[in-house]
Protein backbone atom coordinates (compact mmCIF):
# COMPACT_ATOMS: atom_id res chain seq x y z
CA MET A 1 -36.97 -33.95 33.67
CA MET A 2 -39.04 -36.40 31.62
CA VAL A 3 -37.30 -35.21 28.45
CA PHE A 4 -34.01 -36.51 29.81
CA ASP A 5 -35.56 -39.77 30.96
CA LYS A 6 -37.10 -40.43 27.54
CA GLY A 7 -33.80 -39.93 25.73
CA ARG A 8 -31.58 -41.83 28.17
CA ASP A 9 -31.28 -45.06 26.15
CA HIS A 10 -30.58 -43.21 22.91
CA VAL A 11 -27.99 -40.90 24.46
CA MET A 12 -26.29 -43.82 26.21
CA ALA A 13 -26.10 -45.68 22.91
CA LEU A 14 -24.63 -42.63 21.16
CA PHE A 15 -22.13 -42.20 24.00
CA ARG A 16 -21.11 -45.87 23.75
CA ILE A 17 -20.72 -45.70 19.95
CA VAL A 18 -18.74 -42.45 19.87
CA PHE A 19 -16.61 -43.35 22.90
CA GLY A 20 -15.78 -46.80 21.55
CA PHE A 21 -14.93 -45.37 18.13
CA LEU A 22 -12.60 -42.77 19.64
CA PHE A 23 -10.87 -45.51 21.62
CA LEU A 24 -10.59 -47.61 18.47
CA CYS A 25 -8.96 -44.69 16.65
CA HIS A 26 -6.61 -44.13 19.61
CA GLY A 27 -5.46 -47.75 19.46
CA ALA A 28 -5.30 -47.92 15.66
CA SER A 29 -2.98 -44.94 15.59
CA ARG A 30 -0.37 -46.86 17.60
CA LEU A 31 -1.10 -50.39 16.40
CA PHE A 32 -1.02 -49.60 12.68
CA GLY A 33 0.81 -46.27 12.62
CA LEU A 34 -2.25 -44.34 11.46
CA PHE A 35 -3.19 -40.68 11.90
CA GLY A 36 0.43 -39.52 12.02
CA ALA A 37 1.52 -41.76 14.89
CA ARG A 38 4.44 -44.17 14.87
CA ALA A 39 3.41 -47.82 15.12
CA ALA A 40 4.40 -49.72 18.23
CA GLU A 41 6.84 -52.55 17.73
CA PHE A 42 5.03 -55.90 17.36
CA GLY A 43 4.61 -57.61 20.71
CA ALA A 44 6.30 -54.81 22.70
CA TRP A 45 5.09 -54.52 26.29
CA PRO A 46 2.98 -52.57 27.12
CA SER A 47 2.49 -50.32 24.07
CA TRP A 48 1.61 -52.93 21.44
CA TRP A 49 -0.62 -54.91 23.82
CA ALA A 50 -2.39 -51.75 25.01
CA SER A 51 -2.99 -50.77 21.39
CA LEU A 52 -4.44 -54.20 20.66
CA ILE A 53 -6.79 -53.91 23.66
CA GLN A 54 -7.81 -50.47 22.43
CA VAL A 55 -8.61 -51.67 18.92
CA VAL A 56 -10.45 -54.85 19.90
CA GLY A 57 -12.17 -53.28 22.90
CA GLY A 58 -13.08 -50.21 20.88
CA VAL A 59 -14.69 -52.33 18.16
CA LEU A 60 -16.65 -54.44 20.67
CA VAL A 61 -17.93 -51.41 22.57
CA THR A 62 -18.75 -49.49 19.39
CA ILE A 63 -20.87 -52.27 17.91
CA GLY A 64 -22.31 -53.35 21.27
CA VAL A 65 -21.06 -56.94 21.52
CA ALA A 66 -19.74 -58.19 24.88
CA THR A 67 -20.01 -54.56 25.91
CA ARG A 68 -19.62 -54.91 29.65
CA PRO A 69 -16.58 -57.21 29.70
CA ALA A 70 -14.92 -55.16 26.96
CA ALA A 71 -15.62 -51.91 28.81
CA VAL A 72 -14.19 -53.31 32.06
CA LEU A 73 -11.04 -54.42 30.22
CA CYS A 74 -10.70 -51.04 28.50
CA SER A 75 -11.25 -49.18 31.76
CA GLY A 76 -8.66 -51.29 33.54
CA SER A 77 -6.10 -50.84 30.77
CA MET A 78 -6.51 -47.08 30.99
CA ALA A 79 -6.18 -47.14 34.78
CA PHE A 80 -2.97 -49.16 34.33
CA ALA A 81 -1.73 -46.64 31.76
CA TYR A 82 -2.51 -43.73 34.04
CA PHE A 83 -0.74 -45.13 37.07
CA THR A 84 2.28 -46.60 35.29
CA VAL A 85 2.91 -44.02 32.56
CA HIS A 86 1.40 -40.73 33.71
CA GLN A 87 1.30 -40.68 37.52
CA GLY A 88 5.04 -40.15 37.84
CA GLY A 89 4.74 -36.80 36.08
CA GLY A 90 2.51 -35.21 38.71
CA LEU A 91 -0.53 -35.79 40.88
CA LEU A 92 -3.24 -34.42 38.59
CA PRO A 93 -3.97 -35.48 35.00
CA ILE A 94 -3.49 -31.90 33.79
CA GLU A 95 0.05 -31.98 35.20
CA ASN A 96 1.09 -35.40 33.91
CA GLY A 97 -0.60 -35.55 30.49
CA GLY A 98 -2.97 -38.29 31.59
CA GLU A 99 -6.28 -36.58 30.77
CA ALA A 100 -7.14 -39.02 27.97
CA ALA A 101 -6.28 -42.04 30.11
CA ALA A 102 -8.39 -40.75 33.01
CA LEU A 103 -11.35 -39.88 30.78
CA PHE A 104 -11.26 -43.21 28.96
CA CYS A 105 -10.95 -45.07 32.28
CA TRP A 106 -14.01 -43.42 33.84
CA GLY A 107 -16.03 -43.38 30.60
CA PHE A 108 -15.61 -47.12 30.12
CA LEU A 109 -16.48 -47.74 33.75
CA LEU A 110 -19.74 -45.85 33.13
CA ILE A 111 -20.43 -47.97 30.04
CA ALA A 112 -19.74 -51.16 32.01
CA PHE A 113 -22.35 -50.23 34.59
CA ALA A 114 -24.89 -48.69 32.20
CA ASP A 115 -24.66 -51.47 29.57
CA ARG A 116 -24.95 -50.98 25.86
CA GLY A 117 -28.14 -48.96 25.46
CA ARG A 118 -29.96 -49.22 22.14
CA TRP A 119 -28.55 -49.80 18.68
CA SER A 120 -26.25 -52.72 19.37
CA VAL A 121 -25.46 -55.82 17.36
CA ALA A 122 -26.06 -57.95 20.46
CA GLY A 123 -29.50 -56.38 20.84
CA VAL A 124 -30.44 -57.46 17.32
CA PHE A 125 -29.66 -61.10 18.06
CA ARG A 126 -31.18 -61.12 21.54
CA ARG A 127 -34.19 -63.39 21.57
CA ALA A 128 -37.53 -61.77 22.17
CA PRO A 129 -39.43 -63.30 25.06
CA ALA A 130 -41.84 -66.00 23.95
CA GLN A 131 -45.42 -64.86 23.68
CA VAL A 132 -47.90 -67.26 25.26
CA GLU A 133 -51.22 -67.33 23.53
CA THR A 134 -54.28 -68.06 25.57
CA ALA A 135 -57.28 -69.90 24.19
CA ALA A 136 -60.41 -67.78 24.17
């Protein structure tokens, strides 16, 4: 199992980057009318605001800046979407069309607890611990 332990940080970073980018694309489709979707009306509750959270949260998670707060916000917005939009259509996500909302909700919760991994903008600007030199 050491192979999996050695690659954990890299795989978590790749998961964060890909997951955040997919969420960004999901929000951009509704916020800007991209990828064949119809744009939400400016300021309309909840579609426009959810799309804004998806774009901003997706960017922050993808680049690794304020990753945990952004991931918690994204997770919560997807839980809200699942219970307010999808839950009425059936108990299970496969019945009510809420698979994407459920997957995004749980994936962002994982990112919030696991943090950003490697390859983040925040990691580049994080100060290295000061090295104390000793006189010999």
